[in-house]
Amino acid sequence: MGNMKLHPGDPDDTNREYLPEKLKGTQIVVNENGNNSQPYPGRLSEHHGLITGDEEDEWYEYIPASYNPANKTPLVISLHGGMMTGWGQAVYTSWTLAAERDGFIVLFPNAHLNRFWQVHWGSWQRIPEAEPDIPPEVPRAPEDMAENHDVSMILKLIERMKSNYNIDPERIFMQGMSMGNMMTSLFARHYGNLLAGAAGSGCFTFPSLLYDQEGGIVNVGGPLPFWQSMPEQNQIPECRSDELLAFRDNLQYWRLLNGCEQLPAIRIEGEYNWAFFKGRQADFVFLDIKNRDHGQTFDDAALVWDYFFSGLSRKPDGSVCCGPTVRPQSGDRWAVAVAAGCRLAWFRNRMVEMPGAAFKKKKLKYHGLEGGEKVRGEYLYVPLAFLADVFDAAYQSEHEGQTVTLTLADGRKVQFASGSIGCLIDQQLSAMYCEAVYLDRDLYVSVEWFMRALFNLHVSGSGDTVYVTDHFNELSLFMAELIHDILSGGLAEG
């Protein structure tokens, strides 16, 4: 089709406005912990009109240079966050860059009132304890979708785009950020049958809107391929315990709706943590981004297109087709994950059973001039017998398992002994992070030390979970929770 090309901009690092108006139509760019803007796209056009009723609406269209009216063209509708605009969503995302490369059209509508979408407000608990506290500046959304101005506007804009361009009716997508994520979820739950796929970034949906009082899912639109991006430092809601409950409720909602398998393909590259769930009726993708704040990363849109939208279509009979994507949805070729309290471990995208459950151990300092107890580290311990299986090492034990010698595939012999912080590697003494522990006739060592010291692998941890790969990875909060749920048997079949 074309090429994705970055354009130079003029950084304005001193500007801390939420949406600096001076970005519009200029080369100025700003940065917010990875949520960068790009220079105002030259092909972005502004439009006004009476789309629904007698009140004027505003929207922005991006038509790639390669557009040919003779060819059916995919359409992406991208919804801005609260207090933002359609053009703001265009400069804070990579949709226009991906559109130029792959030849699709992007529509960026404006919310009609106060730059806030007419979304339903709910509770972070499935069964609300009180009426939702709706901010005064947010327009109340009617329960009847026919009376919701923003929903009606989007529906009519889709028809308008079909009239003005050769839009492929089987390849219409929606994506939103923050409050636009909430609006995308609202639209998907009611009109998901009109879309081939949807995606949201930076905001969970209120669980009380997703489930009824009996725990059943609330949905009119039917199964829909859905992608949820969540920055680790999102903090909506602000309470971490509420946020983790909302994470689980949202993930379970789309898995149940789409009939997804229990186990995803897990892929962690640097700060990006993916879980690809295959569904009988539609797929679900979860992306957690390490150390990023509320919003959407600059490459989020391109990732959604490359890994998801690029392969999706909805056939006239309503079924969803998942074809090849620009980048394949695949788990890490080699990975190990363990979690405290879990006897199951994750190895090569499947669960395996260890001789005993993993546990956390603190590295303590008791003695010295200052006295007292000091914690110098905390590590996750797993049985050496499990590590021997992972690396196809010969396992030999003595003294009822209190001494273990592993013969590694490369011929190295490594001896461990209960209570000793030292191990022997080919008769050379090497100190570990913490001493070996004898428990229930099995010898345990720190998985972090073992993977790094003996195999030079990449190890990262979050909470009670550790993830190991043969490439750079940073395990993030929500992915760690998901892995822990899988290994503890807390993730039900969809």
Protein backbone atom coordinates (compact mmCIF):
# COMPACT_ATOMS: atom_id res chain seq x y z
CA MET A 1 0.00 0.00 0.00
CA GLY A 2 2.34 2.69 1.27
CA ASN A 3 4.98 3.42 3.89
CA MET A 4 4.78 4.38 7.54
CA LYS A 5 6.85 7.53 7.92
CA LEU A 6 7.66 9.59 10.99
CA HIS A 7 7.66 13.37 10.63
CA PRO A 8 9.91 15.68 12.66
CA GLY A 9 8.31 17.86 15.30
CA ASP A 10 9.21 20.71 17.64
CA PRO A 11 9.22 19.40 21.25
CA ASP A 12 7.42 21.50 23.83
CA ASP A 13 8.45 19.83 27.07
CA THR A 14 7.49 22.82 29.25
CA ASN A 15 3.81 22.60 28.27
CA ARG A 16 1.73 20.61 30.74
CA GLU A 17 -1.78 21.38 29.51
CA TYR A 18 -4.03 18.35 29.05
CA LEU A 19 -4.59 19.09 25.37
CA PRO A 20 -2.51 22.09 24.29
CA GLU A 21 -4.59 23.90 21.67
CA LYS A 22 -1.44 25.19 20.00
CA LEU A 23 -0.74 21.64 18.76
CA LYS A 24 -3.54 22.01 16.22
CA GLY A 25 -2.20 22.57 12.72
CA THR A 26 1.45 22.85 13.87
CA GLN A 27 4.66 20.84 14.12
CA ILE A 28 4.68 21.02 17.93
CA VAL A 29 4.89 17.70 19.80
CA VAL A 30 4.58 16.89 23.52
CA ASN A 31 5.51 13.89 25.65
CA GLU A 32 3.78 12.37 28.72
CA ASN A 33 5.71 9.28 29.92
CA GLY A 34 5.58 7.57 26.55
CA ASN A 35 2.21 8.96 25.48
CA ASN A 36 3.78 11.17 22.81
CA SER A 37 2.03 13.25 20.21
CA GLN A 38 3.03 13.51 16.57
CA PRO A 39 2.97 16.68 14.45
CA TYR A 40 -0.53 17.55 13.22
CA PRO A 41 -1.16 15.22 10.23
CA GLY A 42 -1.29 17.15 6.97
CA ARG A 43 -4.06 14.98 5.49
CA LEU A 44 -6.36 15.31 8.50
CA SER A 45 -9.51 17.21 7.47
CA GLU A 46 -12.06 18.89 9.77
CA HIS A 47 -15.81 18.53 9.13
CA HIS A 48 -19.01 20.00 10.58
CA GLY A 49 -22.63 19.10 9.96
CA LEU A 50 -26.11 18.29 11.23
CA ILE A 51 -25.65 14.57 11.59
CA THR A 52 -28.43 13.81 14.05
CA GLY A 53 -31.15 16.28 14.99
CA ASP A 54 -30.66 20.01 14.65
CA GLU A 55 -27.39 20.32 16.61
CA GLU A 56 -24.11 20.57 14.71
CA ASP A 57 -21.45 17.92 15.23
CA GLU A 58 -17.73 18.01 14.47
CA TRP A 59 -15.48 15.20 13.25
CA TYR A 60 -12.15 14.64 11.53
CA GLU A 61 -11.33 12.32 8.65
CA TYR A 62 -8.01 10.88 7.59
CA ILE A 63 -7.91 9.58 4.02
CA PRO A 64 -4.57 7.95 3.10
CA ALA A 65 -2.78 9.01 -0.08
CA SER A 66 -3.24 5.51 -1.49
CA TYR A 67 -7.05 5.60 -1.27
CA ASN A 68 -8.67 4.34 -4.49
CA PRO A 69 -12.48 4.67 -4.78
CA ALA A 70 -12.50 1.49 -6.86
CA ASN A 71 -11.28 -0.59 -3.90
CA LYS A 72 -13.17 -1.53 -0.74
CA THR A 73 -11.39 0.17 2.15
CA PRO A 74 -11.44 -0.64 5.91
CA LEU A 75 -12.70 2.04 8.30
CA VAL A 76 -11.42 2.66 11.85
CA ILE A 77 -13.45 4.91 14.18
CA SER A 78 -11.19 6.24 16.95
CA LEU A 79 -12.74 7.92 20.01
CA HIS A 80 -10.87 10.49 22.10
CA GLY A 81 -10.62 10.64 25.88
CA GLY A 82 -12.63 12.93 28.13
CA MET A 83 -11.81 16.67 27.70
CA MET A 84 -10.08 15.90 24.39
CA THR A 85 -11.05 16.21 20.72
CA GLY A 86 -11.02 14.20 17.51
CA TRP A 87 -7.92 16.01 16.29
CA GLY A 88 -6.32 15.40 19.70
CA GLN A 89 -6.92 11.67 19.29
CA ALA A 90 -5.32 11.88 15.84
CA VAL A 91 -2.09 13.48 17.10
CA TYR A 92 -1.82 11.32 20.24
CA THR A 93 -2.12 8.03 18.31
CA SER A 94 -0.39 6.26 15.45
CA TRP A 95 -3.63 5.61 13.53
CA THR A 96 -2.73 7.99 10.70
CA LEU A 97 0.73 6.43 10.32
CA ALA A 98 -0.67 2.90 10.08
CA ALA A 99 -3.41 4.14 7.73
CA GLU A 100 -0.81 5.47 5.29
CA ARG A 101 1.07 2.18 5.30
CA ASP A 102 -1.91 -0.19 5.03
CA GLY A 103 -4.44 1.99 3.22
CA PHE A 104 -7.41 2.29 5.58
CA ILE A 105 -9.53 5.33 6.51
CA VAL A 106 -9.76 6.73 10.04
CA LEU A 107 -12.68 8.72 11.48
CA PHE A 108 -12.11 10.82 14.61
CA PRO A 109 -15.46 12.15 15.94
CA ASN A 110 -15.85 14.78 18.68
CA ALA A 111 -18.00 14.05 21.72
CA HIS A 112 -21.03 16.32 21.47
CA LEU A 113 -21.21 17.92 24.93
CA ASN A 114 -18.33 19.38 26.98
CA ARG A 115 -15.85 17.04 25.25
CA PHE A 116 -17.30 14.14 27.29
CA TRP A 117 -18.97 11.10 25.73
CA GLN A 118 -22.48 10.15 26.79
CA VAL A 119 -21.50 6.92 28.51
CA HIS A 120 -23.36 5.02 31.19
CA TRP A 121 -21.91 5.49 34.65
CA GLY A 122 -21.69 2.58 37.07
CA SER A 123 -19.87 1.06 40.01
CA TRP A 124 -16.53 -0.71 40.33
CA GLN A 125 -18.43 -3.45 42.19
CA ARG A 126 -20.57 -5.88 40.17
CA ILE A 127 -23.49 -5.17 42.50
CA PRO A 128 -23.33 -1.45 43.33
CA GLU A 129 -23.56 -0.43 46.96
CA ALA A 130 -24.73 3.09 46.08
CA GLU A 131 -25.74 5.28 43.17
CA PRO A 132 -22.78 6.13 40.90
CA ASP A 133 -21.17 9.49 41.57
CA ILE A 134 -21.26 11.14 38.16
CA PRO A 135 -19.01 14.21 37.78
CA PRO A 136 -21.15 17.31 37.14
CA GLU A 137 -19.42 18.13 33.83
CA VAL A 138 -20.23 14.70 32.34
CA PRO A 139 -23.52 14.60 30.37
CA ARG A 140 -25.93 11.97 31.66
CA ALA A 141 -26.49 9.21 29.13
CA PRO A 142 -30.04 8.03 28.50
CA GLU A 143 -30.71 4.32 28.95
CA ASP A 144 -32.44 4.23 25.56
CA MET A 145 -29.70 4.03 22.93
CA ALA A 146 -31.96 5.76 20.39
CA GLU A 147 -31.89 8.87 22.60
CA ASN A 148 -28.10 8.89 23.03
CA HIS A 149 -26.82 11.67 20.78
CA ASP A 150 -23.25 10.37 20.60
CA VAL A 151 -24.31 6.82 19.74
CA SER A 152 -26.70 8.12 17.07
CA MET A 153 -23.99 10.39 15.69
CA ILE A 154 -21.50 7.51 15.37
CA LEU A 155 -24.08 5.30 13.67
CA LYS A 156 -24.96 8.02 11.16
CA LEU A 157 -21.30 8.95 10.59
CA ILE A 158 -20.65 5.33 9.64
CA GLU A 159 -23.43 5.55 7.04
CA ARG A 160 -22.09 8.90 5.84
CA MET A 161 -18.59 7.45 5.41
CA LYS A 162 -20.10 4.57 3.42
CA SER A 163 -21.83 7.10 1.15
CA ASN A 164 -18.73 9.23 0.59
CA TYR A 165 -16.11 6.47 0.32
CA ASN A 166 -15.95 2.84 -0.76
CA ILE A 167 -15.98 1.46 2.79
CA ASP A 168 -15.70 -2.30 3.19
CA PRO A 169 -18.81 -3.17 5.30
CA GLU A 170 -17.07 -6.30 6.57
CA ARG A 171 -14.11 -4.33 7.98
CA ILE A 172 -15.38 -1.53 10.24
CA PHE A 173 -13.53 -1.17 13.55
CA MET A 174 -13.70 1.01 16.66
CA GLN A 175 -11.06 2.02 19.19
CA GLY A 176 -11.16 4.46 22.10
CA MET A 177 -8.92 5.93 24.78
CA SER A 178 -9.96 6.47 28.42
CA MET A 179 -13.54 7.77 28.25
CA GLY A 180 -13.40 6.85 24.57
CA ASN A 181 -12.61 3.31 25.79
CA MET A 182 -15.81 3.44 27.87
CA MET A 183 -17.76 4.68 24.84
CA THR A 184 -16.27 1.94 22.65
CA SER A 185 -17.37 -0.63 25.24
CA LEU A 186 -20.88 0.87 25.35
CA PHE A 187 -21.15 0.81 21.56
CA ALA A 188 -19.73 -2.72 21.38
CA ARG A 189 -22.18 -4.08 23.96
CA HIS A 190 -25.13 -2.72 21.95
CA TYR A 191 -23.94 -2.60 18.34
CA GLY A 192 -20.99 -4.99 18.27
CA ASN A 193 -22.63 -6.84 15.38
CA LEU A 194 -21.82 -3.83 13.15
CA LEU A 195 -18.09 -4.09 13.87
CA ALA A 196 -15.39 -6.56 12.86
CA GLY A 197 -13.41 -5.71 15.98
CA ALA A 198 -13.05 -3.17 18.80
CA ALA A 199 -10.27 -2.02 21.10
CA GLY A 200 -9.89 0.17 24.15
CA SER A 201 -6.97 1.79 25.95
CA GLY A 202 -6.54 3.12 29.47
CA CYS A 203 -9.89 2.55 31.16
CA PHE A 204 -11.85 -0.45 32.36
CA THR A 205 -15.64 -0.60 32.03
CA PHE A 206 -17.61 -0.40 35.28
CA PRO A 207 -18.29 -4.06 36.24
CA SER A 208 -21.84 -3.19 37.33
CA LEU A 209 -22.58 -2.46 33.64
CA LEU A 210 -21.16 -5.79 32.48
CA TYR A 211 -23.01 -8.21 34.77
CA ASP A 212 -26.54 -8.55 36.11
CA GLN A 213 -27.31 -9.32 39.77
CA GLU A 214 -27.15 -13.07 39.09
CA GLY A 215 -23.67 -12.76 37.58
CA GLY A 216 -24.79 -13.17 33.96
CA ILE A 217 -23.18 -11.00 31.29
CA VAL A 218 -25.18 -8.06 29.92
CA ASN A 219 -24.86 -7.78 26.16
CA VAL A 220 -27.02 -7.03 23.10
CA GLY A 221 -24.40 -6.76 20.35
CA GLY A 222 -23.15 -10.34 20.55
CA PRO A 223 -19.60 -11.80 20.46
CA LEU A 224 -16.99 -9.37 19.16
CA PRO A 225 -13.18 -9.56 18.84
CA PHE A 226 -11.97 -7.18 21.55
CA TRP A 227 -8.56 -5.80 22.55
CA GLN A 228 -7.91 -4.13 25.90
CA SER A 229 -4.71 -2.13 26.49
CA MET A 230 -4.00 -1.19 30.10
CA PRO A 231 -1.02 0.88 31.31
CA GLU A 232 0.37 -0.54 34.54
CA GLN A 233 0.15 2.87 36.27
CA ASN A 234 -3.38 3.54 35.01
CA GLN A 235 -4.94 3.83 38.51
CA ILE A 236 -8.56 4.10 37.41
CA PRO A 237 -10.06 3.40 39.88
CA GLU A 238 -7.42 4.87 42.18
CA CYS A 239 -7.63 2.04 44.73
CA ARG A 240 -5.41 -0.82 43.52
CA SER A 241 -7.68 -3.51 44.98
CA ASP A 242 -10.68 -2.07 43.09
CA GLU A 243 -8.57 -1.76 39.95
CA LEU A 244 -7.52 -5.42 40.12
CA LEU A 245 -11.13 -6.51 40.61
CA ALA A 246 -12.18 -4.41 37.61
CA PHE A 247 -9.36 -5.94 35.58
CA ARG A 248 -10.53 -9.47 36.38
CA ASP A 249 -14.21 -8.65 35.76
CA ASN A 250 -13.49 -7.00 32.40
CA LEU A 251 -11.21 -9.81 31.24
CA GLN A 252 -13.71 -12.45 32.30
CA TYR A 253 -16.56 -10.60 30.52
CA TRP A 254 -14.96 -10.71 27.08
CA ARG A 255 -13.67 -14.25 27.57
CA LEU A 256 -17.15 -15.49 28.50
CA LEU A 257 -18.88 -13.54 25.73
CA ASN A 258 -16.49 -14.81 23.07
CA GLY A 259 -16.15 -18.37 24.40
CA CYS A 260 -12.39 -18.11 24.91
CA GLU A 261 -10.08 -20.89 25.96
CA GLN A 262 -8.75 -20.91 29.50
CA LEU A 263 -5.09 -20.53 28.55
CA PRO A 264 -3.80 -17.68 26.39
CA ALA A 265 -0.60 -17.43 24.40
CA ILE A 266 1.61 -15.14 26.49
CA ARG A 267 4.20 -12.86 24.95
CA ILE A 268 6.34 -10.32 26.81
CA GLU A 269 8.67 -8.06 24.84
CA GLY A 270 10.32 -5.37 26.89
CA GLU A 271 7.55 -3.40 28.61
CA TYR A 272 4.75 -4.93 26.51
CA ASN A 273 2.84 -7.86 28.05
CA TRP A 274 0.36 -9.63 25.75
CA ALA A 275 -2.17 -12.38 26.44
CA PHE A 276 -3.81 -13.71 23.25
CA PHE A 277 -7.04 -15.63 24.00
CA LYS A 278 -8.56 -17.72 21.20
CA GLY A 279 -12.35 -17.91 21.25
CA ARG A 280 -14.92 -20.21 19.70
CA GLN A 281 -16.83 -17.15 18.42
CA ALA A 282 -14.30 -14.33 18.70
CA ASP A 283 -10.85 -13.65 20.17
CA PHE A 284 -9.80 -11.44 23.06
CA VAL A 285 -6.41 -9.75 23.50
CA PHE A 286 -5.10 -8.16 26.68
CA LEU A 287 -2.05 -5.88 26.63
CA ASP A 288 -0.45 -4.57 29.81
CA ILE A 289 2.32 -1.96 29.51
CA LYS A 290 4.95 -1.76 32.25
CA ASN A 291 5.55 1.60 33.94
CA ARG A 292 3.16 3.65 31.76
CA ASP A 293 0.58 6.13 33.02
CA HIS A 294 -3.11 6.49 32.16
CA GLY A 295 -3.72 7.00 28.47
CA GLN A 296 -2.42 5.27 25.39
CA THR A 297 1.12 4.74 24.21
CA PHE A 298 1.97 6.36 20.90
CA ASP A 299 2.35 2.97 19.22
CA ASP A 300 -0.83 1.49 20.73
CA ALA A 301 -2.95 2.09 17.62
CA ALA A 302 -0.37 0.54 15.31
CA LEU A 303 -0.11 -2.48 17.62
CA VAL A 304 -3.89 -2.92 17.61
CA TRP A 305 -3.89 -2.84 13.80
CA ASP A 306 -0.82 -5.04 13.32
CA TYR A 307 -1.71 -7.78 15.80
CA PHE A 308 -5.50 -7.65 15.59
CA PHE A 309 -7.60 -5.51 13.24
CA SER A 310 -5.48 -6.30 10.18
CA GLY A 311 -6.70 -9.90 10.19
CA LEU A 312 -10.36 -9.42 11.17
CA SER A 313 -13.55 -9.24 9.13
CA ARG A 314 -17.24 -9.85 9.80
CA LYS A 315 -19.06 -11.82 7.14
CA PRO A 316 -22.65 -11.06 5.98
CA ASP A 317 -23.94 -13.96 8.10
CA GLY A 318 -22.52 -12.24 11.21
CA SER A 319 -19.64 -14.62 11.79
CA VAL A 320 -16.17 -13.27 12.51
CA CYS A 321 -13.25 -14.31 10.32
CA CYS A 322 -9.72 -14.20 11.74
CA GLY A 323 -7.16 -14.18 8.95
CA PRO A 324 -3.41 -13.49 8.87
CA THR A 325 -2.30 -10.34 10.68
CA VAL A 326 0.59 -7.98 9.95
CA ARG A 327 2.33 -9.39 13.03
CA PRO A 328 1.41 -12.90 14.20
CA GLN A 329 -0.31 -13.52 17.52
CA SER A 330 2.14 -15.92 19.08
CA GLY A 331 3.36 -16.60 22.57
CA ASP A 332 6.98 -16.54 23.64
CA ARG A 333 8.88 -19.42 22.07
CA TRP A 334 10.58 -20.19 25.40
CA ALA A 335 9.28 -18.93 28.72
CA VAL A 336 8.92 -20.03 32.34
CA ALA A 337 6.59 -18.45 34.88
CA VAL A 338 6.10 -19.35 38.54
CA ALA A 339 4.03 -17.77 41.28
CA ALA A 340 4.15 -17.99 45.06
CA GLY A 341 1.76 -20.54 46.52
CA CYS A 342 1.24 -22.29 43.18
CA ARG A 343 2.32 -25.84 42.42
CA LEU A 344 1.61 -25.33 38.73
CA ALA A 345 4.18 -23.51 36.57
CA TRP A 346 4.02 -22.02 33.07
CA PHE A 347 6.43 -23.50 30.56
CA ARG A 348 6.32 -23.03 26.77
CA ASN A 349 2.75 -21.73 26.87
CA ARG A 350 1.32 -24.60 28.86
CA MET A 351 0.95 -25.56 32.51
CA VAL A 352 3.19 -28.15 34.14
CA GLU A 353 3.17 -29.48 37.69
CA MET A 354 6.13 -29.03 40.02
CA PRO A 355 6.99 -31.42 42.90
CA GLY A 356 6.00 -28.67 45.34
CA ALA A 357 4.56 -25.16 45.43
CA ALA A 358 6.76 -22.12 44.87
CA PHE A 359 7.30 -19.81 47.85
CA LYS A 360 8.95 -16.47 48.57
CA LYS A 361 11.97 -16.19 50.85
CA LYS A 362 13.57 -13.07 52.28
CA LYS A 363 17.33 -12.63 52.34
CA LEU A 364 17.95 -11.47 55.90
CA LYS A 365 20.83 -9.86 57.76
CA TYR A 366 20.73 -10.40 61.52
CA HIS A 367 24.17 -9.70 62.87
CA GLY A 368 26.65 -6.85 62.91
CA LEU A 369 27.35 -3.69 64.89
CA GLU A 370 23.85 -2.30 64.32
CA GLY A 371 22.11 -5.58 65.10
CA GLY A 372 18.49 -6.31 64.29
CA GLU A 373 16.92 -7.83 61.20
CA LYS A 374 17.36 -6.30 57.76
CA VAL A 375 15.85 -7.53 54.52
CA ARG A 376 18.40 -7.53 51.69
CA GLY A 377 16.22 -9.11 49.04
CA GLU A 378 13.23 -11.37 48.41
CA TYR A 379 13.28 -14.29 46.00
CA LEU A 380 10.93 -16.93 44.64
CA TYR A 381 11.95 -20.51 45.41
CA VAL A 382 11.11 -23.54 43.25
CA PRO A 383 12.18 -27.22 43.43
CA LEU A 384 15.45 -28.12 41.74
CA ALA A 385 13.69 -31.16 40.28
CA PHE A 386 11.43 -28.84 38.28
CA LEU A 387 14.40 -26.79 37.01
CA ALA A 388 16.13 -30.02 35.99
CA ASP A 389 13.10 -30.95 33.87
CA VAL A 390 13.00 -27.50 32.24
CA PHE A 391 16.61 -27.76 31.11
CA ASP A 392 16.78 -31.51 30.48
CA ALA A 393 19.39 -31.86 33.21
CA ALA A 394 20.28 -35.15 34.92
CA TYR A 395 19.17 -35.06 38.58
CA GLN A 396 21.00 -36.95 41.34
CA SER A 397 20.21 -36.60 45.04
CA GLU A 398 21.84 -37.80 48.26
CA HIS A 399 21.07 -37.62 51.97
CA GLU A 400 17.32 -38.01 51.33
CA GLY A 401 17.37 -35.12 48.87
CA GLN A 402 19.31 -32.64 51.01
CA THR A 403 22.18 -32.69 48.50
CA VAL A 404 21.43 -32.44 44.77
CA THR A 405 23.75 -32.55 41.78
CA LEU A 406 22.51 -31.45 38.36
CA THR A 407 24.37 -32.40 35.20
CA LEU A 408 23.38 -29.76 32.66
CA ALA A 409 23.00 -30.41 28.95
CA ASP A 410 26.34 -28.68 28.26
CA GLY A 411 28.14 -31.01 30.70
CA ARG A 412 28.44 -28.66 33.67
CA LYS A 413 27.91 -30.27 37.08
CA VAL A 414 26.24 -28.08 39.71
CA GLN A 415 25.96 -29.26 43.32
CA PHE A 416 23.59 -27.76 45.92
CA ALA A 417 23.24 -28.54 49.63
CA SER A 418 20.53 -27.74 52.12
CA GLY A 419 21.26 -24.56 54.12
CA SER A 420 24.25 -23.55 51.97
CA ILE A 421 24.31 -20.23 50.13
CA GLY A 422 27.16 -21.61 48.06
CA CYS A 423 26.96 -24.09 45.22
CA LEU A 424 29.68 -25.89 43.29
CA ILE A 425 29.85 -25.33 39.52
CA ASP A 426 32.39 -27.77 38.09
CA GLN A 427 34.22 -27.72 41.45
CA GLN A 428 34.28 -23.94 41.58
CA LEU A 429 32.48 -22.37 44.54
CA SER A 430 29.84 -19.77 43.70
CA ALA A 431 27.61 -17.85 46.11
CA MET A 432 23.89 -17.62 45.37
CA TYR A 433 21.38 -14.90 46.32
CA CYS A 434 20.11 -17.01 49.22
CA GLU A 435 20.73 -20.44 50.73
CA ALA A 436 19.15 -23.63 49.41
CA VAL A 437 16.08 -24.73 51.38
CA TYR A 438 15.06 -28.34 52.12
CA LEU A 439 11.28 -28.74 52.27
CA ASP A 440 9.11 -31.88 52.12
CA ARG A 441 12.05 -33.97 50.88
CA ASP A 442 12.78 -31.56 48.00
CA LEU A 443 15.59 -29.03 47.66
CA TYR A 444 14.57 -25.51 46.58
CA VAL A 445 16.63 -22.59 45.22
CA SER A 446 15.93 -19.08 43.96
CA VAL A 447 14.58 -19.26 40.42
CA GLU A 448 15.95 -15.75 39.79
CA TRP A 449 19.52 -16.76 40.64
CA PHE A 450 19.33 -20.09 38.80
CA MET A 451 18.10 -18.58 35.53
CA ARG A 452 20.50 -15.64 35.54
CA ALA A 453 23.66 -17.21 36.86
CA LEU A 454 23.57 -20.54 35.05
CA PHE A 455 21.83 -19.63 31.78
CA ASN A 456 22.10 -15.82 31.41
CA LEU A 457 18.35 -15.54 30.89
CA HIS A 458 16.11 -12.49 31.36
CA VAL A 459 14.16 -12.56 34.61
CA SER A 460 11.55 -10.07 35.80
CA GLY A 461 9.03 -10.12 38.61
CA SER A 462 5.92 -8.35 39.83
CA GLY A 463 4.20 -9.09 43.09
CA ASP A 464 4.37 -12.84 43.72
CA THR A 465 5.10 -13.84 40.10
CA VAL A 466 8.35 -14.28 38.15
CA TYR A 467 8.66 -14.55 34.36
CA VAL A 468 11.74 -15.84 32.53
CA THR A 469 12.53 -15.64 28.80
CA ASP A 470 15.49 -15.78 26.46
CA HIS A 471 14.95 -12.11 25.57
CA PHE A 472 14.42 -8.80 27.36
CA ASN A 473 11.15 -8.74 29.32
CA GLU A 474 9.58 -6.67 32.09
CA LEU A 475 6.64 -8.38 33.78
CA SER A 476 3.89 -5.88 34.56
CA LEU A 477 1.28 -5.75 37.30
CA PHE A 478 -1.84 -6.97 35.49
CA MET A 479 -0.02 -9.69 33.57
CA ALA A 480 1.49 -10.94 36.83
CA GLU A 481 -2.03 -11.11 38.30
CA LEU A 482 -3.29 -12.95 35.22
CA ILE A 483 -0.47 -15.50 35.36
CA HIS A 484 -1.04 -16.01 39.08
CA ASP A 485 -4.75 -16.59 38.43
CA ILE A 486 -3.92 -19.15 35.74
CA LEU A 487 -1.42 -21.04 37.89
CA SER A 488 -3.71 -21.06 40.93
CA GLY A 489 -6.60 -22.42 38.87
CA GLY A 490 -8.64 -19.24 39.25
CA LEU A 491 -9.29 -18.62 35.55
CA ALA A 492 -12.39 -20.47 34.42
CA GLU A 493 -13.04 -21.76 30.91
CA GLY A 494 -14.93 -19.27 28.74
